[in-house]
C-alpha atoms as a PDB file:
ATOM      1  CA  UNK A   1      33.466 -50.072  37.755  1.00  0.00           C
ATOM      2  CA  UNK A   2      34.428 -53.345  36.079  1.00  0.00           C
ATOM      3  CA  UNK A   3      33.770 -55.493  39.161  1.00  0.00           C
ATOM      4  CA  UNK A   4      30.409 -53.973  40.080  1.00  0.00           C
ATOM      5  CA  UNK A   5      27.617 -56.538  40.003  1.00  0.00           C
ATOM      6  CA  UNK A   6      24.010 -55.415  40.100  1.00  0.00           C
ATOM      7  CA  UNK A   7      21.397 -57.980  41.018  1.00  0.00           C
ATOM      8  CA  UNK A   8      17.677 -57.496  40.996  1.00  0.00           C
ATOM      9  CA  UNK A   9      16.247 -60.347  42.994  1.00  0.00           C
ATOM     10  CA  UNK A  10      12.946 -59.138  44.391  1.00  0.00           C
ATOM     11  CA  UNK A  11       9.639 -58.085  42.925  1.00  0.00           C
ATOM     12  CA  UNK A  12      10.272 -54.578  44.215  1.00  0.00           C
ATOM     13  CA  UNK A  13      13.520 -54.377  42.274  1.00  0.00           C
ATOM     14  CA  UNK A  14      11.900 -55.593  39.073  1.00  0.00           C
ATOM     15  CA  UNK A  15       8.968 -53.208  39.413  1.00  0.00           C
ATOM     16  CA  UNK A  16      11.335 -50.315  40.165  1.00  0.00           C
ATOM     17  CA  UNK A  17      13.325 -51.033  37.018  1.00  0.00           C
ATOM     18  CA  UNK A  18      10.148 -51.434  34.960  1.00  0.00           C
ATOM     19  CA  UNK A  19       8.616 -48.191  36.276  1.00  0.00           C
ATOM     20  CA  UNK A  20      11.829 -46.270  35.626  1.00  0.00           C
ATOM     21  CA  UNK A  21      11.975 -47.519  32.040  1.00  0.00           C
ATOM     22  CA  UNK A  22       8.330 -46.534  31.506  1.00  0.00           C
ATOM     23  CA  UNK A  23       8.989 -43.034  32.885  1.00  0.00           C
ATOM     24  CA  UNK A  24      11.959 -42.598  30.542  1.00  0.00           C
ATOM     25  CA  UNK A  25       9.842 -43.840  27.644  1.00  0.00           C
ATOM     26  CA  UNK A  26       7.077 -41.346  28.466  1.00  0.00           C
ATOM     27  CA  UNK A  27       9.585 -38.494  28.497  1.00  0.00           C
ATOM     28  CA  UNK A  28      11.184 -39.620  25.235  1.00  0.00           C
ATOM     29  CA  UNK A  29       7.801 -39.880  23.524  1.00  0.00           C
ATOM     30  CA  UNK A  30       6.906 -36.384  24.693  1.00  0.00           C
ATOM     31  CA  UNK A  31      10.161 -34.966  23.340  1.00  0.00           C
ATOM     32  CA  UNK A  32       9.989 -36.871  20.058  1.00  0.00           C
ATOM     33  CA  UNK A  33       6.302 -36.233  19.336  1.00  0.00           C
ATOM     34  CA  UNK A  34       5.042 -33.097  21.118  1.00  0.00           C
ATOM     35  CA  UNK A  35       1.519 -33.693  19.826  1.00  0.00           C
ATOM     36  CA  UNK A  36       1.432 -36.824  22.021  1.00  0.00           C
ATOM     37  CA  UNK A  37       2.065 -34.827  25.206  1.00  0.00           C
ATOM     38  CA  UNK A  38      -1.385 -35.511  26.670  1.00  0.00           C
ATOM     39  CA  UNK A  39      -1.225 -39.338  26.721  1.00  0.00           C
ATOM     40  CA  UNK A  40       2.472 -39.237  27.658  1.00  0.00           C
ATOM     41  CA  UNK A  41       1.788 -36.835  30.537  1.00  0.00           C
ATOM     42  CA  UNK A  42      -1.148 -38.853  31.837  1.00  0.00           C
ATOM     43  CA  UNK A  43       0.823 -42.087  31.692  1.00  0.00           C
ATOM     44  CA  UNK A  44       3.788 -40.443  33.442  1.00  0.00           C
ATOM     45  CA  UNK A  45       1.468 -39.169  36.180  1.00  0.00           C
ATOM     46  CA  UNK A  46      -0.030 -42.627  36.707  1.00  0.00           C
ATOM     47  CA  UNK A  47       3.413 -44.268  36.706  1.00  0.00           C
ATOM     48  CA  UNK A  48       4.713 -41.747  39.251  1.00  0.00           C
ATOM     49  CA  UNK A  49       1.763 -42.442  41.526  1.00  0.00           C
ATOM     50  CA  UNK A  50       2.144 -46.221  41.137  1.00  0.00           C
ATOM     51  CA  UNK A  51       5.830 -45.880  42.057  1.00  0.00           C
ATOM     52  CA  UNK A  52       4.921 -44.629  45.527  1.00  0.00           C
ATOM     53  CA  UNK A  53       3.746 -48.012  46.876  1.00  0.00           C
ATOM     54  CA  UNK A  54       5.577 -50.231  44.371  1.00  0.00           C
ATOM     55  CA  UNK A  55       9.116 -48.850  44.378  1.00  0.00           C
ATOM     56  CA  UNK A  56      10.329 -48.184  47.919  1.00  0.00           C
ATOM     57  CA  UNK A  57       8.083 -45.197  48.554  1.00  0.00           C
ATOM     58  CA  UNK A  58       8.678 -43.880  45.054  1.00  0.00           C
ATOM     59  CA  UNK A  59      12.404 -43.332  45.468  1.00  0.00           C
ATOM     60  CA  UNK A  60      11.963 -42.087  49.033  1.00  0.00           C
ATOM     61  CA  UNK A  61       9.151 -39.817  47.829  1.00  0.00           C
ATOM     62  CA  UNK A  62      11.579 -37.627  45.852  1.00  0.00           C
ATOM     63  CA  UNK A  63      11.110 -39.683  42.678  1.00  0.00           C
ATOM     64  CA  UNK A  64       7.342 -39.577  42.960  1.00  0.00           C
ATOM     65  CA  UNK A  65       7.330 -35.827  43.555  1.00  0.00           C
ATOM     66  CA  UNK A  66       9.643 -35.203  40.603  1.00  0.00           C
ATOM     67  CA  UNK A  67       7.503 -37.491  38.445  1.00  0.00           C
ATOM     68  CA  UNK A  68       4.299 -35.678  39.392  1.00  0.00           C
ATOM     69  CA  UNK A  69       5.864 -32.249  38.790  1.00  0.00           C
ATOM     70  CA  UNK A  70       7.319 -33.373  35.447  1.00  0.00           C
ATOM     71  CA  UNK A  71       4.031 -34.902  34.337  1.00  0.00           C
ATOM     72  CA  UNK A  72       2.183 -31.741  35.368  1.00  0.00           C
ATOM     73  CA  UNK A  73       4.594 -29.606  33.368  1.00  0.00           C
ATOM     74  CA  UNK A  74       4.155 -31.941  30.409  1.00  0.00           C
ATOM     75  CA  UNK A  75       0.382 -31.641  30.593  1.00  0.00           C
ATOM     76  CA  UNK A  76       0.579 -27.851  30.887  1.00  0.00           C
ATOM     77  CA  UNK A  77       3.087 -27.506  28.037  1.00  0.00           C
ATOM     78  CA  UNK A  78       1.859 -25.828  24.865  1.00  0.00           C
ATOM     79  CA  UNK A  79       3.956 -25.218  21.825  1.00  0.00           C
ATOM     80  CA  UNK A  80       4.813 -21.769  20.545  1.00  0.00           C
ATOM     81  CA  UNK A  81       2.343 -20.853  17.803  1.00  0.00           C
ATOM     82  CA  UNK A  82       3.990 -20.483  14.420  1.00  0.00           C
ATOM     83  CA  UNK A  83       3.572 -17.087  12.754  1.00  0.00           C
ATOM     84  CA  UNK A  84       1.393 -17.114   9.675  1.00  0.00           C
ATOM     85  CA  UNK A  85       2.783 -15.815   6.406  1.00  0.00           C
ATOM     86  CA  UNK A  86       0.017 -13.239   5.774  1.00  0.00           C
ATOM     87  CA  UNK A  87       0.088 -11.372   9.091  1.00  0.00           C
ATOM     88  CA  UNK A  88       2.410  -8.559  10.080  1.00  0.00           C
ATOM     89  CA  UNK A  89       4.030  -9.003  13.489  1.00  0.00           C
END
């Protein structure tokens, strides 16, 4: 692995790297602050859809599909309600 050289020389390569970083950031924000799941999910959905034309068909369509499914699960995610102290379960 020491002699591996990675070059990003085209606009497609730069946009692919940028979109991937934004998707990871959206996921990290959702995990760190669950109350921000709505804006994080919407931004992840938009980024996944932008990746389709901008990043080699969105990772040969697999990346876009996984991004859309993940963003949909993020938008549908609700936290478990905490039990109140006064009620009997």
